C-alpha atoms as a PDB file:
ATOM      1  CA  UNK A   1      87.217 -62.274 -48.970  1.00  0.00           C
ATOM      2  CA  UNK A   2      89.636 -64.732 -47.437  1.00  0.00           C
ATOM      3  CA  UNK A   3      91.747 -64.025 -44.403  1.00  0.00           C
ATOM      4  CA  UNK A   4      95.117 -62.716 -45.559  1.00  0.00           C
ATOM      5  CA  UNK A   5      98.242 -63.555 -43.590  1.00  0.00           C
ATOM      6  CA  UNK A   6     102.032 -63.533 -43.736  1.00  0.00           C
ATOM      7  CA  UNK A   7     102.962 -61.569 -46.825  1.00  0.00           C
ATOM      8  CA  UNK A   8     106.302 -62.679 -48.201  1.00  0.00           C
ATOM      9  CA  UNK A   9     108.068 -60.752 -50.965  1.00  0.00           C
ATOM     10  CA  UNK A  10     110.246 -63.054 -53.036  1.00  0.00           C
ATOM     11  CA  UNK A  11     112.539 -62.662 -55.991  1.00  0.00           C
ATOM     12  CA  UNK A  12     112.276 -65.573 -58.396  1.00  0.00           C
ATOM     13  CA  UNK A  13     115.484 -66.297 -60.297  1.00  0.00           C
ATOM     14  CA  UNK A  14     116.159 -69.294 -62.477  1.00  0.00           C
ATOM     15  CA  UNK A  15     119.354 -71.229 -61.818  1.00  0.00           C
ATOM     16  CA  UNK A  16     120.003 -71.648 -65.541  1.00  0.00           C
ATOM     17  CA  UNK A  17     123.100 -69.927 -66.923  1.00  0.00           C
ATOM     18  CA  UNK A  18     121.849 -69.771 -70.494  1.00  0.00           C
ATOM     19  CA  UNK A  19     119.398 -67.231 -71.801  1.00  0.00           C
ATOM     20  CA  UNK A  20     116.224 -68.504 -73.445  1.00  0.00           C
ATOM     21  CA  UNK A  21     115.534 -67.207 -76.936  1.00  0.00           C
ATOM     22  CA  UNK A  22     112.189 -65.680 -77.785  1.00  0.00           C
ATOM     23  CA  UNK A  23     109.843 -66.737 -80.586  1.00  0.00           C
ATOM     24  CA  UNK A  24     109.617 -70.407 -81.476  1.00  0.00           C
ATOM     25  CA  UNK A  25     111.744 -71.476 -78.472  1.00  0.00           C
ATOM     26  CA  UNK A  26     109.459 -69.833 -75.979  1.00  0.00           C
ATOM     27  CA  UNK A  27     107.645 -73.104 -75.242  1.00  0.00           C
ATOM     28  CA  UNK A  28     110.851 -74.499 -73.731  1.00  0.00           C
ATOM     29  CA  UNK A  29     110.298 -72.190 -70.772  1.00  0.00           C
ATOM     30  CA  UNK A  30     107.639 -74.588 -69.478  1.00  0.00           C
ATOM     31  CA  UNK A  31     107.835 -78.236 -68.403  1.00  0.00           C
ATOM     32  CA  UNK A  32     105.306 -80.954 -69.217  1.00  0.00           C
ATOM     33  CA  UNK A  33     103.095 -79.866 -66.324  1.00  0.00           C
ATOM     34  CA  UNK A  34     102.996 -76.273 -67.521  1.00  0.00           C
ATOM     35  CA  UNK A  35     105.295 -74.917 -64.814  1.00  0.00           C
ATOM     36  CA  UNK A  36     107.732 -72.167 -65.718  1.00  0.00           C
ATOM     37  CA  UNK A  37     111.345 -73.326 -65.778  1.00  0.00           C
ATOM     38  CA  UNK A  38     112.964 -70.773 -68.088  1.00  0.00           C
ATOM     39  CA  UNK A  39     115.664 -68.214 -67.400  1.00  0.00           C
ATOM     40  CA  UNK A  40     113.757 -65.115 -66.383  1.00  0.00           C
ATOM     41  CA  UNK A  41     113.895 -62.933 -63.312  1.00  0.00           C
ATOM     42  CA  UNK A  42     110.522 -62.246 -61.756  1.00  0.00           C
ATOM     43  CA  UNK A  43     109.492 -60.412 -58.630  1.00  0.00           C
ATOM     44  CA  UNK A  44     106.118 -61.125 -57.065  1.00  0.00           C
ATOM     45  CA  UNK A  45     104.242 -60.532 -53.847  1.00  0.00           C
ATOM     46  CA  UNK A  46     102.753 -63.640 -52.250  1.00  0.00           C
ATOM     47  CA  UNK A  47     100.589 -64.191 -49.198  1.00  0.00           C
ATOM     48  CA  UNK A  48      99.205 -67.075 -47.200  1.00  0.00           C
ATOM     49  CA  UNK A  49      95.416 -67.339 -47.135  1.00  0.00           C
ATOM     50  CA  UNK A  50      92.903 -69.737 -45.657  1.00  0.00           C
ATOM     51  CA  UNK A  51      91.960 -72.330 -48.315  1.00  0.00           C
ATOM     52  CA  UNK A  52      88.619 -71.691 -50.048  1.00  0.00           C
ATOM     53  CA  UNK A  53      86.373 -73.631 -52.424  1.00  0.00           C
ATOM     54  CA  UNK A  54      87.830 -71.735 -55.401  1.00  0.00           C
ATOM     55  CA  UNK A  55      91.254 -73.188 -54.571  1.00  0.00           C
ATOM     56  CA  UNK A  56      90.130 -76.782 -55.144  1.00  0.00           C
ATOM     57  CA  UNK A  57      91.731 -77.372 -58.556  1.00  0.00           C
ATOM     58  CA  UNK A  58      94.938 -75.573 -57.649  1.00  0.00           C
ATOM     59  CA  UNK A  59      95.363 -77.611 -54.472  1.00  0.00           C
ATOM     60  CA  UNK A  60      94.614 -80.832 -56.343  1.00  0.00           C
ATOM     61  CA  UNK A  61      97.290 -80.034 -58.904  1.00  0.00           C
ATOM     62  CA  UNK A  62      99.867 -79.418 -56.181  1.00  0.00           C
ATOM     63  CA  UNK A  63      98.969 -82.699 -54.484  1.00  0.00           C
ATOM     64  CA  UNK A  64      99.632 -84.492 -57.793  1.00  0.00           C
ATOM     65  CA  UNK A  65     103.275 -83.344 -57.542  1.00  0.00           C
ATOM     66  CA  UNK A  66     103.614 -85.274 -54.321  1.00  0.00           C
ATOM     67  CA  UNK A  67     101.540 -88.385 -54.987  1.00  0.00           C
ATOM     68  CA  UNK A  68     102.140 -88.703 -58.735  1.00  0.00           C
ATOM     69  CA  UNK A  69     100.295 -91.826 -59.921  1.00  0.00           C
ATOM     70  CA  UNK A  70      99.596 -93.267 -56.494  1.00  0.00           C
ATOM     71  CA  UNK A  71      96.065 -94.497 -55.799  1.00  0.00           C
ATOM     72  CA  UNK A  72      94.946 -91.518 -53.742  1.00  0.00           C
ATOM     73  CA  UNK A  73      91.772 -89.512 -54.424  1.00  0.00           C
ATOM     74  CA  UNK A  74      93.404 -86.100 -54.710  1.00  0.00           C
ATOM     75  CA  UNK A  75      90.041 -84.374 -55.106  1.00  0.00           C
ATOM     76  CA  UNK A  76      88.857 -85.837 -51.820  1.00  0.00           C
ATOM     77  CA  UNK A  77      92.107 -84.797 -50.139  1.00  0.00           C
ATOM     78  CA  UNK A  78      91.784 -81.268 -51.505  1.00  0.00           C
ATOM     79  CA  UNK A  79      88.243 -81.107 -50.069  1.00  0.00           C
ATOM     80  CA  UNK A  80      89.536 -82.073 -46.633  1.00  0.00           C
ATOM     81  CA  UNK A  81      92.169 -79.339 -46.776  1.00  0.00           C
ATOM     82  CA  UNK A  82      89.479 -76.776 -47.651  1.00  0.00           C
ATOM     83  CA  UNK A  83      87.076 -78.107 -45.001  1.00  0.00           C
ATOM     84  CA  UNK A  84      89.670 -77.590 -42.231  1.00  0.00           C
ATOM     85  CA  UNK A  85      90.692 -74.150 -43.477  1.00  0.00           C
ATOM     86  CA  UNK A  86      91.240 -72.914 -39.916  1.00  0.00           C
ATOM     87  CA  UNK A  87      94.453 -74.982 -40.023  1.00  0.00           C
ATOM     88  CA  UNK A  88      96.812 -74.439 -42.945  1.00  0.00           C
ATOM     89  CA  UNK A  89      97.304 -71.983 -45.814  1.00  0.00           C
ATOM     90  CA  UNK A  90      97.441 -71.717 -49.553  1.00  0.00           C
ATOM     91  CA  UNK A  91      99.889 -69.360 -51.258  1.00  0.00           C
ATOM     92  CA  UNK A  92      98.321 -66.811 -53.573  1.00  0.00           C
ATOM     93  CA  UNK A  93      99.695 -63.843 -55.418  1.00  0.00           C
ATOM     94  CA  UNK A  94      98.874 -60.475 -53.845  1.00  0.00           C
ATOM     95  CA  UNK A  95      96.654 -58.141 -55.799  1.00  0.00           C
ATOM     96  CA  UNK A  96      97.935 -54.663 -56.474  1.00  0.00           C
ATOM     97  CA  UNK A  97      96.740 -52.081 -53.974  1.00  0.00           C
ATOM     98  CA  UNK A  98      93.382 -50.737 -54.958  1.00  0.00           C
ATOM     99  CA  UNK A  99      92.535 -53.704 -57.180  1.00  0.00           C
ATOM    100  CA  UNK A 100      89.634 -55.827 -55.983  1.00  0.00           C
ATOM    101  CA  UNK A 101      88.647 -59.316 -57.032  1.00  0.00           C
ATOM    102  CA  UNK A 102      85.756 -59.426 -59.482  1.00  0.00           C
ATOM    103  CA  UNK A 103      83.478 -62.389 -58.803  1.00  0.00           C
ATOM    104  CA  UNK A 104      81.843 -61.954 -62.221  1.00  0.00           C
ATOM    105  CA  UNK A 105      84.948 -62.210 -64.386  1.00  0.00           C
ATOM    106  CA  UNK A 106      84.690 -65.961 -64.774  1.00  0.00           C
ATOM    107  CA  UNK A 107      87.994 -66.667 -62.970  1.00  0.00           C
ATOM    108  CA  UNK A 108      87.505 -69.050 -60.042  1.00  0.00           C
ATOM    109  CA  UNK A 109      91.064 -68.465 -58.798  1.00  0.00           C
ATOM    110  CA  UNK A 110      91.986 -72.120 -59.078  1.00  0.00           C
ATOM    111  CA  UNK A 111      95.044 -71.422 -61.223  1.00  0.00           C
ATOM    112  CA  UNK A 112      96.378 -68.938 -58.674  1.00  0.00           C
ATOM    113  CA  UNK A 113      97.410 -71.435 -55.988  1.00  0.00           C
ATOM    114  CA  UNK A 114     101.182 -71.480 -55.756  1.00  0.00           C
ATOM    115  CA  UNK A 115     101.540 -73.585 -52.608  1.00  0.00           C
ATOM    116  CA  UNK A 116      99.740 -75.348 -49.788  1.00  0.00           C
ATOM    117  CA  UNK A 117     100.907 -76.083 -46.230  1.00  0.00           C
ATOM    118  CA  UNK A 118      98.781 -77.964 -43.716  1.00  0.00           C
ATOM    119  CA  UNK A 119      98.493 -81.086 -41.543  1.00  0.00           C
ATOM    120  CA  UNK A 120      95.687 -83.665 -41.577  1.00  0.00           C
ATOM    121  CA  UNK A 121      94.771 -86.048 -38.792  1.00  0.00           C
ATOM    122  CA  UNK A 122      94.779 -89.388 -40.636  1.00  0.00           C
ATOM    123  CA  UNK A 123      93.655 -91.253 -37.508  1.00  0.00           C
ATOM    124  CA  UNK A 124      90.569 -89.183 -36.795  1.00  0.00           C
ATOM    125  CA  UNK A 125      89.654 -89.142 -40.496  1.00  0.00           C
ATOM    126  CA  UNK A 126      90.605 -92.763 -41.238  1.00  0.00           C
ATOM    127  CA  UNK A 127      87.085 -93.633 -42.477  1.00  0.00           C
ATOM    128  CA  UNK A 128      87.274 -91.093 -45.294  1.00  0.00           C
ATOM    129  CA  UNK A 129      88.209 -92.861 -48.582  1.00  0.00           C
ATOM    130  CA  UNK A 130      91.170 -90.672 -49.517  1.00  0.00           C
ATOM    131  CA  UNK A 131      92.652 -90.988 -46.033  1.00  0.00           C
ATOM    132  CA  UNK A 132      92.183 -94.772 -46.164  1.00  0.00           C
ATOM    133  CA  UNK A 133      94.154 -94.688 -49.421  1.00  0.00           C
ATOM    134  CA  UNK A 134      96.946 -92.636 -47.840  1.00  0.00           C
ATOM    135  CA  UNK A 135      97.159 -95.073 -44.920  1.00  0.00           C
ATOM    136  CA  UNK A 136      97.283 -98.037 -47.291  1.00  0.00           C
ATOM    137  CA  UNK A 137      99.916 -96.281 -49.404  1.00  0.00           C
ATOM    138  CA  UNK A 138     102.132 -95.649 -46.366  1.00  0.00           C
ATOM    139  CA  UNK A 139     101.854 -99.265 -45.287  1.00  0.00           C
ATOM    140  CA  UNK A 140     102.623-100.562 -48.786  1.00  0.00           C
ATOM    141  CA  UNK A 141     105.585 -98.222 -49.266  1.00  0.00           C
ATOM    142  CA  UNK A 142     107.030 -99.209 -45.888  1.00  0.00           C
ATOM    143  CA  UNK A 143     106.613-102.921 -46.587  1.00  0.00           C
ATOM    144  CA  UNK A 144     108.362-102.568 -49.924  1.00  0.00           C
ATOM    145  CA  UNK A 145     111.152-100.130 -48.983  1.00  0.00           C
ATOM    146  CA  UNK A 146     111.758 -99.873 -45.232  1.00  0.00           C
ATOM    147  CA  UNK A 147     113.762-101.989 -42.806  1.00  0.00           C
ATOM    148  CA  UNK A 148     112.006-104.279 -40.345  1.00  0.00           C
ATOM    149  CA  UNK A 149     112.055-101.783 -37.488  1.00  0.00           C
ATOM    150  CA  UNK A 150     110.461 -99.058 -39.608  1.00  0.00           C
ATOM    151  CA  UNK A 151     107.881-101.448 -41.024  1.00  0.00           C
ATOM    152  CA  UNK A 152     106.855-102.378 -37.471  1.00  0.00           C
ATOM    153  CA  UNK A 153     106.656 -98.716 -36.471  1.00  0.00           C
ATOM    154  CA  UNK A 154     104.475 -97.760 -39.453  1.00  0.00           C
ATOM    155  CA  UNK A 155     102.173-100.708 -38.742  1.00  0.00           C
ATOM    156  CA  UNK A 156     101.957 -99.781 -35.066  1.00  0.00           C
ATOM    157  CA  UNK A 157     101.129 -96.102 -35.479  1.00  0.00           C
ATOM    158  CA  UNK A 158      98.531 -96.775 -38.172  1.00  0.00           C
ATOM    159  CA  UNK A 159      96.695 -99.584 -36.352  1.00  0.00           C
ATOM    160  CA  UNK A 160      96.533 -98.054 -32.854  1.00  0.00           C
ATOM    161  CA  UNK A 161      93.394 -95.905 -32.722  1.00  0.00           C
ATOM    162  CA  UNK A 162      94.723 -94.107 -29.666  1.00  0.00           C
ATOM    163  CA  UNK A 163      97.739 -92.963 -31.670  1.00  0.00           C
ATOM    164  CA  UNK A 164      96.841 -89.727 -33.461  1.00  0.00           C
ATOM    165  CA  UNK A 165      98.900 -89.396 -36.639  1.00  0.00           C
ATOM    166  CA  UNK A 166      99.300 -86.081 -38.426  1.00  0.00           C
ATOM    167  CA  UNK A 167     100.130 -86.096 -42.147  1.00  0.00           C
ATOM    168  CA  UNK A 168     102.075 -82.961 -43.056  1.00  0.00           C
ATOM    169  CA  UNK A 169     101.617 -81.475 -46.529  1.00  0.00           C
ATOM    170  CA  UNK A 170     104.146 -78.893 -47.746  1.00  0.00           C
ATOM    171  CA  UNK A 171     103.829 -78.344 -51.487  1.00  0.00           C
ATOM    172  CA  UNK A 172     104.510 -75.436 -53.814  1.00  0.00           C
ATOM    173  CA  UNK A 173     105.238 -74.886 -57.475  1.00  0.00           C
ATOM    174  CA  UNK A 174     108.750 -74.929 -58.902  1.00  0.00           C
ATOM    175  CA  UNK A 175     110.872 -71.790 -58.385  1.00  0.00           C
ATOM    176  CA  UNK A 176     109.006 -70.470 -55.336  1.00  0.00           C
ATOM    177  CA  UNK A 177     111.928 -70.005 -52.923  1.00  0.00           C
ATOM    178  CA  UNK A 178     112.189 -71.800 -49.582  1.00  0.00           C
ATOM    179  CA  UNK A 179     111.774 -68.492 -47.729  1.00  0.00           C
ATOM    180  CA  UNK A 180     108.016 -68.647 -48.267  1.00  0.00           C
ATOM    181  CA  UNK A 181     107.835 -71.699 -45.982  1.00  0.00           C
ATOM    182  CA  UNK A 182     108.858 -69.749 -42.876  1.00  0.00           C
ATOM    183  CA  UNK A 183     105.715 -67.604 -42.478  1.00  0.00           C
ATOM    184  CA  UNK A 184     103.536 -70.503 -43.641  1.00  0.00           C
ATOM    185  CA  UNK A 185     104.787 -72.856 -40.925  1.00  0.00           C
ATOM    186  CA  UNK A 186     104.759 -70.102 -38.313  1.00  0.00           C
ATOM    187  CA  UNK A 187     101.087 -69.569 -39.188  1.00  0.00           C
ATOM    188  CA  UNK A 188     100.398 -73.305 -39.065  1.00  0.00           C
ATOM    189  CA  UNK A 189     102.070 -73.519 -35.650  1.00  0.00           C
ATOM    190  CA  UNK A 190      99.835 -70.800 -34.252  1.00  0.00           C
ATOM    191  CA  UNK A 191      96.707 -72.247 -35.823  1.00  0.00           C
ATOM    192  CA  UNK A 192      97.362 -75.681 -34.360  1.00  0.00           C
ATOM    193  CA  UNK A 193      97.837 -74.146 -30.926  1.00  0.00           C
ATOM    194  CA  UNK A 194      94.485 -72.376 -31.201  1.00  0.00           C
ATOM    195  CA  UNK A 195      92.736 -75.506 -32.452  1.00  0.00           C
ATOM    196  CA  UNK A 196      94.095 -77.563 -29.562  1.00  0.00           C
ATOM    197  CA  UNK A 197      92.894 -74.980 -27.047  1.00  0.00           C
ATOM    198  CA  UNK A 198      89.414 -75.370 -28.530  1.00  0.00           C
ATOM    199  CA  UNK A 199      89.564 -79.131 -28.030  1.00  0.00           C
ATOM    200  CA  UNK A 200      90.053 -80.008 -31.697  1.00  0.00           C
ATOM    201  CA  UNK A 201      91.944 -83.218 -32.600  1.00  0.00           C
ATOM    202  CA  UNK A 202      95.333 -81.764 -33.438  1.00  0.00           C
ATOM    203  CA  UNK A 203      97.453 -83.236 -30.671  1.00  0.00           C
ATOM    204  CA  UNK A 204      99.572 -85.808 -32.491  1.00  0.00           C
ATOM    205  CA  UNK A 205     101.597 -88.674 -31.106  1.00  0.00           C
ATOM    206  CA  UNK A 206     103.319 -89.067 -34.494  1.00  0.00           C
ATOM    207  CA  UNK A 207     103.793 -87.071 -37.678  1.00  0.00           C
ATOM    208  CA  UNK A 208     104.364 -88.392 -41.194  1.00  0.00           C
ATOM    209  CA  UNK A 209     106.053 -86.151 -43.740  1.00  0.00           C
ATOM    210  CA  UNK A 210     106.770 -87.126 -47.337  1.00  0.00           C
ATOM    211  CA  UNK A 211     109.567 -85.121 -48.958  1.00  0.00           C
ATOM    212  CA  UNK A 212     110.318 -84.931 -52.677  1.00  0.00           C
ATOM    213  CA  UNK A 213     113.993 -85.783 -53.219  1.00  0.00           C
ATOM    214  CA  UNK A 214     116.512 -86.663 -55.920  1.00  0.00           C
ATOM    215  CA  UNK A 215     119.244 -89.240 -55.530  1.00  0.00           C
ATOM    216  CA  UNK A 216     122.354 -88.271 -57.468  1.00  0.00           C
ATOM    217  CA  UNK A 217     123.991 -91.718 -57.425  1.00  0.00           C
ATOM    218  CA  UNK A 218     124.375 -94.918 -55.419  1.00  0.00           C
ATOM    219  CA  UNK A 219     125.347 -95.577 -51.817  1.00  0.00           C
ATOM    220  CA  UNK A 220     126.216 -92.401 -49.905  1.00  0.00           C
ATOM    221  CA  UNK A 221     125.625 -90.101 -52.851  1.00  0.00           C
ATOM    222  CA  UNK A 222     124.133 -86.702 -52.154  1.00  0.00           C
ATOM    223  CA  UNK A 223     120.358 -86.456 -51.675  1.00  0.00           C
ATOM    224  CA  UNK A 224     118.797 -83.250 -52.975  1.00  0.00           C
ATOM    225  CA  UNK A 225     115.532 -81.959 -51.547  1.00  0.00           C
ATOM    226  CA  UNK A 226     113.029 -80.292 -53.845  1.00  0.00           C
ATOM    227  CA  UNK A 227     111.972 -78.148 -50.884  1.00  0.00           C
ATOM    228  CA  UNK A 228     115.303 -77.038 -49.493  1.00  0.00           C
ATOM    229  CA  UNK A 229     113.937 -76.229 -46.011  1.00  0.00           C
ATOM    230  CA  UNK A 230     113.133 -79.919 -45.464  1.00  0.00           C
ATOM    231  CA  UNK A 231     116.770 -81.031 -45.728  1.00  0.00           C
ATOM    232  CA  UNK A 232     117.654 -80.962 -41.984  1.00  0.00           C
ATOM    233  CA  UNK A 233     114.453 -82.738 -40.955  1.00  0.00           C
ATOM    234  CA  UNK A 234     115.750 -86.184 -41.911  1.00  0.00           C
ATOM    235  CA  UNK A 235     118.274 -86.206 -39.076  1.00  0.00           C
ATOM    236  CA  UNK A 236     115.508 -85.461 -36.561  1.00  0.00           C
ATOM    237  CA  UNK A 237     113.259 -88.303 -37.764  1.00  0.00           C
ATOM    238  CA  UNK A 238     112.334 -91.226 -35.573  1.00  0.00           C
ATOM    239  CA  UNK A 239     112.446 -93.382 -38.718  1.00  0.00           C
ATOM    240  CA  UNK A 240     112.819 -92.841 -42.464  1.00  0.00           C
ATOM    241  CA  UNK A 241     112.899 -94.684 -45.761  1.00  0.00           C
ATOM    242  CA  UNK A 242     113.311 -93.823 -49.438  1.00  0.00           C
ATOM    243  CA  UNK A 243     111.063 -94.701 -52.377  1.00  0.00           C
ATOM    244  CA  UNK A 244     112.195 -94.629 -56.007  1.00  0.00           C
ATOM    245  CA  UNK A 245     109.362 -93.019 -58.062  1.00  0.00           C
ATOM    246  CA  UNK A 246     111.116 -92.999 -61.424  1.00  0.00           C
ATOM    247  CA  UNK A 247     108.357 -94.985 -63.140  1.00  0.00           C
ATOM    248  CA  UNK A 248     105.636 -92.689 -61.807  1.00  0.00           C
ATOM    249  CA  UNK A 249     107.514 -89.492 -62.564  1.00  0.00           C
ATOM    250  CA  UNK A 250     107.914 -89.978 -66.317  1.00  0.00           C
ATOM    251  CA  UNK A 251     105.554 -87.039 -67.053  1.00  0.00           C
ATOM    252  CA  UNK A 252     106.416 -85.100 -63.919  1.00  0.00           C
ATOM    253  CA  UNK A 253     108.263 -81.820 -63.484  1.00  0.00           C
ATOM    254  CA  UNK A 254     110.726 -83.735 -61.317  1.00  0.00           C
ATOM    255  CA  UNK A 255     112.069 -85.777 -64.226  1.00  0.00           C
ATOM    256  CA  UNK A 256     115.076 -83.600 -65.050  1.00  0.00           C
ATOM    257  CA  UNK A 257     117.680 -83.861 -67.783  1.00  0.00           C
ATOM    258  CA  UNK A 258     116.787 -87.284 -69.083  1.00  0.00           C
ATOM    259  CA  UNK A 259     116.881 -88.906 -65.646  1.00  0.00           C
ATOM    260  CA  UNK A 260     120.323 -87.697 -64.541  1.00  0.00           C
ATOM    261  CA  UNK A 261     118.913 -87.605 -61.012  1.00  0.00           C
ATOM    262  CA  UNK A 262     116.622 -90.318 -59.685  1.00  0.00           C
ATOM    263  CA  UNK A 263     113.325 -88.829 -58.426  1.00  0.00           C
ATOM    264  CA  UNK A 264     112.440 -90.253 -55.017  1.00  0.00           C
ATOM    265  CA  UNK A 265     110.266 -89.730 -52.009  1.00  0.00           C
ATOM    266  CA  UNK A 266     111.702 -89.739 -48.487  1.00  0.00           C
ATOM    267  CA  UNK A 267     109.104 -90.766 -45.941  1.00  0.00           C
ATOM    268  CA  UNK A 268     109.885 -89.346 -42.492  1.00  0.00           C
ATOM    269  CA  UNK A 269     108.215 -90.278 -39.197  1.00  0.00           C
ATOM    270  CA  UNK A 270     108.514 -88.012 -36.177  1.00  0.00           C
ATOM    271  CA  UNK A 271     107.294 -87.916 -32.614  1.00  0.00           C
ATOM    272  CA  UNK A 272     104.376 -85.482 -32.557  1.00  0.00           C
ATOM    273  CA  UNK A 273     105.930 -83.524 -29.722  1.00  0.00           C
ATOM    274  CA  UNK A 274     108.809 -82.557 -32.040  1.00  0.00           C
ATOM    275  CA  UNK A 275     106.699 -80.380 -34.357  1.00  0.00           C
ATOM    276  CA  UNK A 276     107.927 -77.080 -32.957  1.00  0.00           C
ATOM    277  CA  UNK A 277     111.503 -78.342 -33.173  1.00  0.00           C
ATOM    278  CA  UNK A 278     110.979 -79.258 -36.847  1.00  0.00           C
ATOM    279  CA  UNK A 279     109.770 -75.741 -37.574  1.00  0.00           C
ATOM    280  CA  UNK A 280     112.848 -74.341 -35.854  1.00  0.00           C
ATOM    281  CA  UNK A 281     115.109 -76.535 -38.001  1.00  0.00           C
ATOM    282  CA  UNK A 282     113.483 -75.507 -41.277  1.00  0.00           C
ATOM    283  CA  UNK A 283     113.657 -71.817 -40.316  1.00  0.00           C
ATOM    284  CA  UNK A 284     117.387 -72.165 -39.601  1.00  0.00           C
ATOM    285  CA  UNK A 285     117.883 -73.923 -42.927  1.00  0.00           C
ATOM    286  CA  UNK A 286     116.190 -71.070 -44.781  1.00  0.00           C
ATOM    287  CA  UNK A 287     118.254 -68.481 -42.936  1.00  0.00           C
ATOM    288  CA  UNK A 288     121.478 -70.287 -43.843  1.00  0.00           C
ATOM    289  CA  UNK A 289     120.700 -70.629 -47.567  1.00  0.00           C
END
């Protein structure tokens, strides 16, 4: 059995004001990725667990939300997340009391991963193919979208082998409320502290965090964050730039209402020493929602 941590009871409510009809219209409750988007009220018990081999496909699917059609080996990245399962969590639904998992029922649990939160050292692991692809992607995105100062910073932190860069992953399925992020990041914070005390390579000079966002217009129009808790982090960033992913998101759950909002990615770069401050900011954001 996996190590269970940080149970979080949440109440899932759709923001839609119209009721979905049953019968032939039932399929409209799901988007093209199979995620529920209908108008139903659900209550479920979730918990953070250490990633396991059975979570591979679920983690990979969540990573696809973030990277879309980018040239990143998501299977390889999922394997890294599982291999360093002493740092990070996956979100699973709690079993009812008295119900035990049956290893012989043919269910590998892969469809039961509702979120993943972790950080990967992309300096220490730079020789691994999927990490090489992430580093190349970050460089390319910066060159195509960032200002000169940010381009120089990205190039510097990714070429200096003495600069340990942590890549933060914070993904979950649609309609899981932001409140679940608080215990997950608290757990991650404690796990990183323990890993550092054991001499593991989790002391970072810089952190890179890619947020899923929507631009609602041009210029100073409002930017909406798919993960609400990430909204205040942009102001604390050392550097940031936006990437329009409209072309990649044509089959994604983030392509809403015929493109009324432009799906984007906001790439944030932080000083590694600010990690605890970032967690404080996201906790405050959740409390104020």
